[in-house]
N, C-alpha and C. Protein backbone atom coordinates (compact mmCIF):
# COMPACT_ATOMS: atom_id res chain seq x y z
N MET A 1 94.77 74.04 141.88
CA MET A 1 95.50 74.08 140.62
C MET A 1 95.42 75.45 139.95
N PRO A 2 94.27 76.14 139.95
CA PRO A 2 94.22 77.45 139.30
C PRO A 2 95.24 78.44 139.86
N ALA A 3 95.53 78.34 141.17
CA ALA A 3 96.50 79.27 141.76
C ALA A 3 97.87 79.07 141.13
N ASP A 4 98.28 77.80 140.94
CA ASP A 4 99.56 77.53 140.29
C ASP A 4 99.56 78.02 138.86
N SER A 5 98.45 77.82 138.17
CA SER A 5 98.33 78.26 136.79
C SER A 5 98.42 79.78 136.70
N ASP A 6 97.74 80.47 137.62
CA ASP A 6 97.80 81.93 137.64
C ASP A 6 99.22 82.42 137.90
N ARG A 7 99.89 81.77 138.87
CA ARG A 7 101.26 82.16 139.20
C ARG A 7 102.19 81.93 137.99
N TRP A 8 102.00 80.80 137.31
CA TRP A 8 102.80 80.51 136.13
C TRP A 8 102.58 81.58 135.05
N ASN A 9 101.30 81.95 134.83
CA ASN A 9 100.99 82.98 133.83
C ASN A 9 101.60 84.32 134.22
N GLU A 10 101.55 84.67 135.52
CA GLU A 10 102.15 85.92 135.97
C GLU A 10 103.66 85.90 135.75
N ASN A 11 104.31 84.78 136.09
CA ASN A 11 105.76 84.67 135.89
C ASN A 11 106.12 84.75 134.41
N LEU A 12 105.31 84.11 133.58
CA LEU A 12 105.55 84.16 132.14
C LEU A 12 105.44 85.59 131.63
N LEU A 13 104.42 86.31 132.10
CA LEU A 13 104.23 87.70 131.69
C LEU A 13 105.41 88.56 132.16
N GLU A 14 105.86 88.37 133.41
CA GLU A 14 107.00 89.13 133.91
C GLU A 14 108.24 88.83 133.06
N TYR A 15 108.43 87.58 132.74
CA TYR A 15 109.57 87.17 131.91
C TYR A 15 109.47 87.84 130.54
N ALA A 16 108.28 87.81 129.95
CA ALA A 16 108.09 88.42 128.63
C ALA A 16 108.38 89.92 128.68
N MET A 17 107.97 90.59 129.75
CA MET A 17 108.22 92.03 129.85
C MET A 17 109.72 92.32 129.97
N LEU A 18 110.46 91.49 130.74
CA LEU A 18 111.90 91.68 130.86
C LEU A 18 112.58 91.46 129.52
N ILE A 19 112.20 90.42 128.82
CA ILE A 19 112.77 90.14 127.50
C ILE A 19 112.47 91.31 126.56
N THR A 20 111.25 91.79 126.60
CA THR A 20 110.85 92.88 125.72
C THR A 20 111.71 94.12 125.96
N ARG A 21 111.90 94.51 127.21
CA ARG A 21 112.72 95.70 127.50
C ARG A 21 114.14 95.52 126.98
N GLU A 22 114.67 94.30 127.10
CA GLU A 22 116.02 94.04 126.61
C GLU A 22 116.10 94.12 125.10
N MET A 23 115.00 93.85 124.41
CA MET A 23 115.00 93.83 122.95
C MET A 23 114.88 95.21 122.33
N LEU A 24 114.49 96.21 123.11
CA LEU A 24 114.31 97.54 122.56
C LEU A 24 115.63 98.09 122.03
N THR A 25 115.57 98.68 120.85
CA THR A 25 116.74 99.36 120.31
C THR A 25 116.96 100.66 121.09
N GLU A 26 118.09 101.28 120.88
CA GLU A 26 118.37 102.55 121.56
C GLU A 26 117.33 103.61 121.20
N LYS A 27 116.93 103.67 119.92
CA LYS A 27 115.91 104.65 119.50
C LYS A 27 114.55 104.34 120.14
N GLU A 28 114.20 103.05 120.20
CA GLU A 28 112.93 102.67 120.82
C GLU A 28 112.94 103.01 122.31
N LEU A 29 114.03 102.71 122.97
CA LEU A 29 114.13 103.00 124.40
C LEU A 29 114.07 104.50 124.65
N SER A 30 114.72 105.29 123.79
CA SER A 30 114.68 106.74 123.99
C SER A 30 113.26 107.28 123.77
N LEU A 31 112.52 106.72 122.81
CA LEU A 31 111.13 107.14 122.61
C LEU A 31 110.27 106.74 123.80
N LEU A 32 110.47 105.54 124.32
CA LEU A 32 109.73 105.09 125.49
C LEU A 32 110.01 106.00 126.69
N GLN A 33 111.25 106.39 126.88
CA GLN A 33 111.62 107.29 127.98
C GLN A 33 111.00 108.67 127.78
N PHE A 34 110.99 109.15 126.54
CA PHE A 34 110.37 110.45 126.23
C PHE A 34 108.87 110.39 126.54
N TRP A 35 108.19 109.32 126.08
CA TRP A 35 106.76 109.13 126.35
C TRP A 35 106.52 109.11 127.85
N ASN A 36 107.36 108.39 128.58
CA ASN A 36 107.20 108.26 130.03
C ASN A 36 107.34 109.63 130.71
N ALA A 37 108.29 110.44 130.26
CA ALA A 37 108.46 111.77 130.84
C ALA A 37 107.25 112.65 130.55
N ARG A 38 106.68 112.53 129.35
CA ARG A 38 105.54 113.36 128.97
C ARG A 38 104.25 112.97 129.70
N ARG A 39 104.18 111.77 130.19
CA ARG A 39 102.95 111.38 130.89
C ARG A 39 102.88 112.02 132.27
N ALA A 40 104.01 112.45 132.80
CA ALA A 40 104.06 113.23 134.04
C ALA A 40 103.22 112.63 135.16
N GLY A 41 103.41 111.34 135.41
CA GLY A 41 102.70 110.69 136.50
C GLY A 41 101.32 110.17 136.15
N ARG A 42 100.81 110.53 134.98
CA ARG A 42 99.50 110.03 134.54
C ARG A 42 99.67 108.65 133.91
N ALA A 43 98.58 108.00 133.64
CA ALA A 43 98.63 106.68 133.00
C ALA A 43 99.26 106.78 131.62
N MET A 44 98.99 107.88 130.92
CA MET A 44 99.53 108.10 129.58
C MET A 44 99.47 109.59 129.26
N PRO A 45 100.34 110.07 128.39
CA PRO A 45 100.23 111.47 127.98
C PRO A 45 99.06 111.65 127.01
N GLU A 46 98.68 112.89 126.83
CA GLU A 46 97.65 113.22 125.84
C GLU A 46 98.34 113.62 124.54
N ARG A 47 97.60 113.62 123.46
CA ARG A 47 98.18 114.00 122.17
C ARG A 47 98.73 115.43 122.23
N ALA A 48 98.06 116.30 122.95
CA ALA A 48 98.49 117.70 123.05
C ALA A 48 99.83 117.85 123.77
N ASP A 49 100.28 116.80 124.46
CA ASP A 49 101.57 116.85 125.14
C ASP A 49 102.75 116.73 124.18
N PHE A 50 102.47 116.46 122.91
CA PHE A 50 103.51 116.29 121.91
C PHE A 50 103.39 117.35 120.84
N VAL A 51 104.51 117.92 120.45
CA VAL A 51 104.55 118.80 119.29
C VAL A 51 105.52 118.16 118.29
N PRO A 52 105.31 118.38 117.01
CA PRO A 52 106.15 117.71 116.00
C PRO A 52 107.65 117.91 116.22
N GLU A 53 108.05 119.09 116.67
CA GLU A 53 109.48 119.35 116.87
C GLU A 53 110.09 118.41 117.90
N ASP A 54 109.28 118.02 118.91
CA ASP A 54 109.78 117.12 119.95
C ASP A 54 110.07 115.73 119.41
N LEU A 55 109.41 115.37 118.34
CA LEU A 55 109.51 114.02 117.80
C LEU A 55 110.58 113.89 116.71
N PHE A 56 111.35 114.94 116.50
CA PHE A 56 112.34 114.95 115.43
C PHE A 56 113.25 113.71 115.40
N PRO A 57 113.78 113.26 116.55
CA PRO A 57 114.69 112.09 116.50
C PRO A 57 114.05 110.82 115.94
N TRP A 58 112.71 110.76 115.94
CA TRP A 58 112.03 109.54 115.52
C TRP A 58 111.19 109.72 114.25
N ILE A 59 111.14 110.95 113.74
CA ILE A 59 110.34 111.22 112.54
C ILE A 59 110.78 110.27 111.43
N GLY A 60 109.84 109.80 110.69
CA GLY A 60 110.12 108.87 109.61
C GLY A 60 109.90 107.42 110.02
N PHE A 61 109.80 107.19 111.32
CA PHE A 61 109.57 105.83 111.81
C PHE A 61 108.28 105.74 112.62
N LEU A 62 107.51 106.84 112.69
CA LEU A 62 106.32 106.88 113.54
C LEU A 62 105.03 106.89 112.74
N HIS A 63 104.09 106.09 113.19
CA HIS A 63 102.70 106.19 112.73
C HIS A 63 101.90 106.82 113.88
N LEU A 64 100.85 107.52 113.54
CA LEU A 64 99.89 107.98 114.53
C LEU A 64 98.55 107.40 114.11
N LEU A 65 97.96 106.60 114.98
CA LEU A 65 96.71 105.92 114.66
C LEU A 65 95.59 106.39 115.58
N GLU A 66 94.36 106.34 115.06
CA GLU A 66 93.17 106.66 115.83
C GLU A 66 92.26 105.44 115.83
N PRO A 67 91.82 105.02 117.02
CA PRO A 67 90.88 103.89 117.07
C PRO A 67 89.54 104.25 116.44
N ILE A 68 88.96 103.30 115.75
CA ILE A 68 87.63 103.47 115.15
C ILE A 68 86.72 102.41 115.73
N ASP A 69 85.54 102.82 116.15
CA ASP A 69 84.52 101.90 116.63
C ASP A 69 85.06 100.99 117.74
N GLY A 70 85.68 101.61 118.74
CA GLY A 70 86.16 100.87 119.90
C GLY A 70 87.31 99.92 119.61
N GLY A 71 88.02 100.13 118.51
CA GLY A 71 89.16 99.29 118.19
C GLY A 71 88.87 98.20 117.17
N ARG A 72 87.70 98.27 116.56
CA ARG A 72 87.42 97.29 115.49
C ARG A 72 88.29 97.56 114.26
N ASP A 73 88.78 98.80 114.18
CA ASP A 73 89.70 99.19 113.12
C ASP A 73 90.47 100.41 113.63
N PHE A 74 91.47 100.83 112.88
CA PHE A 74 92.29 101.99 113.24
C PHE A 74 92.59 102.76 111.97
N ARG A 75 92.55 104.10 112.09
CA ARG A 75 92.86 104.97 110.96
C ARG A 75 94.23 105.59 111.17
N TYR A 76 95.01 105.62 110.09
CA TYR A 76 96.31 106.27 110.13
C TYR A 76 96.11 107.78 110.01
N ALA A 77 96.34 108.52 111.10
CA ALA A 77 96.34 109.98 111.02
C ALA A 77 97.64 110.44 110.37
N VAL A 78 98.72 109.71 110.67
CA VAL A 78 100.03 109.92 110.05
C VAL A 78 100.60 108.55 109.76
N PHE A 79 101.08 108.36 108.54
CA PHE A 79 101.68 107.08 108.15
C PHE A 79 103.10 107.34 107.71
N THR A 80 104.05 106.70 108.37
CA THR A 80 105.44 106.88 107.98
C THR A 80 105.74 106.08 106.72
N THR A 81 106.50 106.65 105.86
CA THR A 81 106.88 105.92 104.64
C THR A 81 108.36 105.56 104.64
N ARG A 82 109.10 106.02 105.63
CA ARG A 82 110.54 105.76 105.66
C ARG A 82 110.85 104.26 105.74
N THR A 83 110.04 103.53 106.47
CA THR A 83 110.29 102.09 106.59
C THR A 83 109.83 101.34 105.35
N LEU A 84 109.09 102.00 104.49
CA LEU A 84 108.59 101.34 103.28
C LEU A 84 109.19 101.98 102.03
N VAL A 85 110.44 102.37 102.11
CA VAL A 85 111.11 103.02 100.98
C VAL A 85 111.00 102.12 99.75
N GLY A 86 110.57 102.71 98.66
CA GLY A 86 110.43 101.98 97.41
C GLY A 86 109.11 101.24 97.27
N MET A 87 108.25 101.30 98.28
CA MET A 87 106.97 100.59 98.21
C MET A 87 105.85 101.47 97.66
N ASP A 88 106.06 102.79 97.65
CA ASP A 88 105.07 103.73 97.10
C ASP A 88 103.67 103.51 97.65
N LYS A 89 103.56 103.35 98.94
CA LYS A 89 102.26 103.14 99.55
C LYS A 89 102.12 104.07 100.74
N ASP A 90 101.24 105.04 100.63
CA ASP A 90 100.97 105.95 101.73
C ASP A 90 99.57 105.65 102.24
N MET A 91 99.50 105.30 103.52
CA MET A 91 98.22 104.92 104.11
C MET A 91 97.62 106.05 104.95
N THR A 92 98.19 107.25 104.92
CA THR A 92 97.64 108.36 105.70
C THR A 92 96.16 108.55 105.34
N GLY A 93 95.32 108.58 106.38
CA GLY A 93 93.88 108.74 106.19
C GLY A 93 93.16 107.43 105.93
N LYS A 94 93.89 106.35 105.74
CA LYS A 94 93.28 105.05 105.47
C LYS A 94 93.26 104.20 106.73
N ARG A 95 92.58 103.06 106.64
CA ARG A 95 92.41 102.18 107.79
C ARG A 95 93.33 100.97 107.70
N ILE A 96 93.55 100.36 108.85
CA ILE A 96 94.30 99.09 108.89
C ILE A 96 93.65 98.09 107.96
N SER A 97 92.33 98.01 107.98
CA SER A 97 91.62 97.03 107.15
C SER A 97 91.84 97.27 105.66
N ASP A 98 92.30 98.46 105.27
CA ASP A 98 92.59 98.73 103.86
C ASP A 98 93.84 98.00 103.37
N TRP A 99 94.67 97.49 104.29
CA TRP A 99 95.82 96.70 103.87
C TRP A 99 95.34 95.47 103.11
N ASN A 100 94.28 94.86 103.65
CA ASN A 100 93.65 93.72 102.99
C ASN A 100 94.66 92.61 102.65
N ASP A 101 95.53 92.30 103.63
CA ASP A 101 96.44 91.17 103.45
C ASP A 101 96.68 90.52 104.81
N ASP A 102 97.66 89.63 104.89
CA ASP A 102 97.88 88.87 106.11
C ASP A 102 98.35 89.71 107.30
N ARG A 103 98.80 90.94 107.08
CA ARG A 103 99.22 91.80 108.19
C ARG A 103 98.04 92.41 108.93
N THR A 104 96.87 92.45 108.30
CA THR A 104 95.72 93.12 108.89
C THR A 104 95.36 92.55 110.25
N GLY A 105 95.21 91.23 110.34
CA GLY A 105 94.82 90.60 111.61
C GLY A 105 95.84 90.86 112.71
N PHE A 106 97.12 90.75 112.37
CA PHE A 106 98.17 91.00 113.35
C PHE A 106 98.11 92.44 113.84
N ALA A 107 97.96 93.41 112.93
CA ALA A 107 97.92 94.82 113.31
C ALA A 107 96.71 95.12 114.18
N LEU A 108 95.56 94.56 113.85
CA LEU A 108 94.36 94.78 114.66
C LEU A 108 94.56 94.21 116.07
N GLN A 109 95.19 93.05 116.17
CA GLN A 109 95.48 92.46 117.48
C GLN A 109 96.46 93.33 118.26
N LEU A 110 97.51 93.78 117.59
CA LEU A 110 98.52 94.60 118.24
C LEU A 110 97.94 95.90 118.79
N TYR A 111 97.30 96.66 117.92
CA TYR A 111 96.76 97.95 118.35
C TYR A 111 95.59 97.78 119.30
N GLY A 112 94.84 96.69 119.15
CA GLY A 112 93.77 96.38 120.10
C GLY A 112 94.33 96.12 121.50
N SER A 113 95.50 95.50 121.58
CA SER A 113 96.11 95.24 122.89
C SER A 113 96.53 96.55 123.56
N VAL A 114 96.92 97.56 122.76
CA VAL A 114 97.24 98.87 123.34
C VAL A 114 95.98 99.48 123.93
N LEU A 115 94.86 99.36 123.22
CA LEU A 115 93.59 99.87 123.75
C LEU A 115 93.19 99.13 125.02
N ASP A 116 93.33 97.81 125.01
CA ASP A 116 92.91 97.00 126.16
C ASP A 116 93.71 97.31 127.42
N HIS A 117 95.01 97.53 127.27
CA HIS A 117 95.88 97.71 128.43
C HIS A 117 96.19 99.17 128.74
N ALA A 118 96.05 100.06 127.75
CA ALA A 118 96.38 101.48 127.90
C ALA A 118 97.80 101.66 128.45
N ARG A 119 98.71 100.81 127.95
CA ARG A 119 100.12 100.87 128.33
C ARG A 119 100.96 100.57 127.09
N PRO A 120 102.25 100.86 127.14
CA PRO A 120 103.12 100.56 126.00
C PRO A 120 103.12 99.06 125.68
N VAL A 121 103.15 98.77 124.39
CA VAL A 121 103.16 97.38 123.92
C VAL A 121 104.25 97.24 122.87
N TYR A 122 104.95 96.11 122.92
CA TYR A 122 106.01 95.81 121.96
C TYR A 122 105.63 94.54 121.20
N SER A 123 106.03 94.49 119.94
CA SER A 123 105.79 93.30 119.14
C SER A 123 106.76 93.31 117.97
N ALA A 124 106.92 92.15 117.34
CA ALA A 124 107.73 92.06 116.12
C ALA A 124 107.09 91.03 115.20
N LEU A 125 107.16 91.31 113.92
CA LEU A 125 106.53 90.43 112.94
C LEU A 125 107.35 90.39 111.66
N PRO A 126 107.70 89.18 111.21
CA PRO A 126 108.34 89.07 109.89
C PRO A 126 107.31 89.37 108.80
N GLU A 127 107.69 90.17 107.83
CA GLU A 127 106.79 90.51 106.73
C GLU A 127 107.50 90.27 105.41
N ARG A 128 106.74 89.81 104.45
CA ARG A 128 107.29 89.56 103.12
C ARG A 128 107.22 90.85 102.32
N HIS A 129 108.37 91.31 101.83
CA HIS A 129 108.44 92.48 100.95
C HIS A 129 109.19 92.07 99.70
N ARG A 130 108.43 92.01 98.63
CA ARG A 130 108.98 91.56 97.34
C ARG A 130 109.61 90.18 97.49
N GLU A 131 110.92 90.08 97.32
CA GLU A 131 111.59 88.77 97.33
C GLU A 131 112.27 88.44 98.67
N ASP A 132 112.06 89.26 99.69
CA ASP A 132 112.79 89.07 100.93
C ASP A 132 111.87 89.20 102.13
N TRP A 133 112.34 88.71 103.26
CA TRP A 133 111.64 88.88 104.53
C TRP A 133 112.26 90.04 105.27
N VAL A 134 111.43 90.87 105.87
CA VAL A 134 111.88 91.96 106.72
C VAL A 134 111.16 91.79 108.05
N VAL A 135 111.88 91.96 109.14
CA VAL A 135 111.27 91.88 110.47
C VAL A 135 111.22 93.29 111.04
N TYR A 136 110.01 93.73 111.35
CA TYR A 136 109.82 95.04 111.98
C TYR A 136 109.41 94.85 113.43
N SER A 137 110.10 95.56 114.32
CA SER A 137 109.61 95.64 115.68
C SER A 137 108.68 96.85 115.73
N ARG A 138 107.73 96.78 116.62
CA ARG A 138 106.78 97.87 116.79
C ARG A 138 106.67 98.21 118.27
N LEU A 139 106.98 99.44 118.58
CA LEU A 139 106.78 99.97 119.92
C LEU A 139 105.55 100.85 119.83
N CYS A 140 104.50 100.48 120.54
CA CYS A 140 103.23 101.19 120.46
C CYS A 140 102.94 101.88 121.79
N LEU A 141 102.69 103.18 121.72
CA LEU A 141 102.51 104.00 122.91
C LEU A 141 101.14 104.65 122.89
N PRO A 142 100.35 104.45 123.96
CA PRO A 142 99.02 105.04 124.00
C PRO A 142 99.05 106.52 124.36
N LEU A 143 98.13 107.27 123.78
CA LEU A 143 97.90 108.66 124.14
C LEU A 143 96.43 108.78 124.48
N GLY A 144 96.10 109.56 125.49
CA GLY A 144 94.70 109.74 125.86
C GLY A 144 94.57 110.29 127.26
N ALA A 145 93.37 110.20 127.80
CA ALA A 145 93.10 110.73 129.13
C ALA A 145 92.05 109.87 129.82
N ASN A 146 92.09 109.88 131.14
CA ASN A 146 91.11 109.15 131.95
C ASN A 146 91.01 107.67 131.57
N GLY A 147 92.15 107.07 131.24
CA GLY A 147 92.17 105.65 130.91
C GLY A 147 91.66 105.30 129.54
N ILE A 148 91.30 106.31 128.73
CA ILE A 148 90.77 106.07 127.39
C ILE A 148 91.82 106.46 126.35
N VAL A 149 92.21 105.49 125.54
CA VAL A 149 93.21 105.73 124.50
C VAL A 149 92.53 106.40 123.30
N THR A 150 93.02 107.58 122.94
CA THR A 150 92.47 108.31 121.79
C THR A 150 93.35 108.19 120.56
N HIS A 151 94.65 107.93 120.79
CA HIS A 151 95.62 107.80 119.70
C HIS A 151 96.69 106.80 120.11
N ILE A 152 97.36 106.25 119.13
CA ILE A 152 98.48 105.36 119.37
C ILE A 152 99.65 105.83 118.51
N VAL A 153 100.80 106.04 119.15
CA VAL A 153 102.03 106.31 118.42
C VAL A 153 102.71 104.96 118.25
N SER A 154 103.01 104.61 117.02
CA SER A 154 103.65 103.33 116.73
C SER A 154 104.96 103.57 116.00
N MET A 155 106.05 103.10 116.59
CA MET A 155 107.37 103.24 115.97
C MET A 155 107.75 101.91 115.34
N LEU A 156 108.05 101.94 114.05
CA LEU A 156 108.50 100.76 113.33
C LEU A 156 110.01 100.81 113.19
N SER A 157 110.66 99.72 113.52
CA SER A 157 112.12 99.63 113.40
C SER A 157 112.46 98.31 112.72
N PRO A 158 113.15 98.36 111.59
CA PRO A 158 113.58 97.11 110.97
C PRO A 158 114.64 96.45 111.84
N LEU A 159 114.49 95.15 112.07
CA LEU A 159 115.46 94.40 112.86
C LEU A 159 116.45 93.72 111.93
N LYS A 160 117.65 93.57 112.40
CA LYS A 160 118.68 92.91 111.60
C LYS A 160 118.56 91.39 111.67
N GLU A 161 117.99 90.88 112.77
CA GLU A 161 117.86 89.44 112.93
C GLU A 161 116.90 88.88 111.89
N LYS A 162 117.28 87.80 111.28
CA LYS A 162 116.42 87.13 110.31
C LYS A 162 115.65 86.03 111.02
N THR A 163 114.57 86.40 111.65
CA THR A 163 113.74 85.42 112.36
C THR A 163 112.40 85.32 111.67
N THR A 164 111.80 84.19 111.76
CA THR A 164 110.45 84.03 111.22
C THR A 164 109.45 83.84 112.34
N ASP A 165 109.91 83.91 113.59
CA ASP A 165 109.03 83.75 114.74
C ASP A 165 108.52 85.12 115.18
N PRO A 166 107.22 85.34 115.12
CA PRO A 166 106.70 86.62 115.59
C PRO A 166 106.80 86.74 117.11
N ILE A 167 106.93 87.95 117.59
CA ILE A 167 106.86 88.23 119.01
C ILE A 167 105.47 88.82 119.24
N PRO A 168 104.62 88.12 119.98
CA PRO A 168 103.25 88.59 120.16
C PRO A 168 103.22 89.90 120.93
N PRO A 169 102.12 90.65 120.82
CA PRO A 169 102.01 91.90 121.58
C PRO A 169 102.26 91.65 123.07
N THR A 170 103.22 92.41 123.62
CA THR A 170 103.63 92.24 125.01
C THR A 170 103.63 93.59 125.68
N VAL A 171 102.94 93.70 126.80
CA VAL A 171 102.88 94.95 127.56
C VAL A 171 104.23 95.22 128.19
N ILE A 172 104.69 96.46 128.12
CA ILE A 172 105.92 96.89 128.77
C ILE A 172 105.52 97.66 130.02
N GLU A 173 105.88 97.13 131.15
CA GLU A 173 105.57 97.80 132.42
C GLU A 173 106.54 98.95 132.63
N MET A 174 106.04 100.02 133.16
CA MET A 174 106.89 101.20 133.43
C MET A 174 107.15 101.30 134.91
């Protein structure tokens, strides 16, 4: 029976990865392709492989996070505010745990999965902003060397679909 269960889990994961790739917006796909080119055959690119000018097409939608204490928390080295227009909240230099709301657990799980797999991860979560729901997809890309993630680039994209079902962190195979 375990063999059937393992095969079912593998098929489910393959299905989830295919669905995830199909869900990527054009901007997310272009960032994923850029990341893939910069890794140059390695498991992941290093932070030094990126210069701010290269990221111009995605500026305003990117966070840069640093794992703290093996992923028990994450610090925003760069926090984008474009997706939070009108919210007046800049988290640069602060930790995920500083959110201190229902998004904290989801974010820790999401970024923790990037550390665990050292591969791109996609997710989406409906979030309450004032009087409305907003759904953000997150494309998370690891940066580091020798299989150790030192930074995570996270692109937030507001989705037009009004869904309340979260998409759990899903590894995107390259």
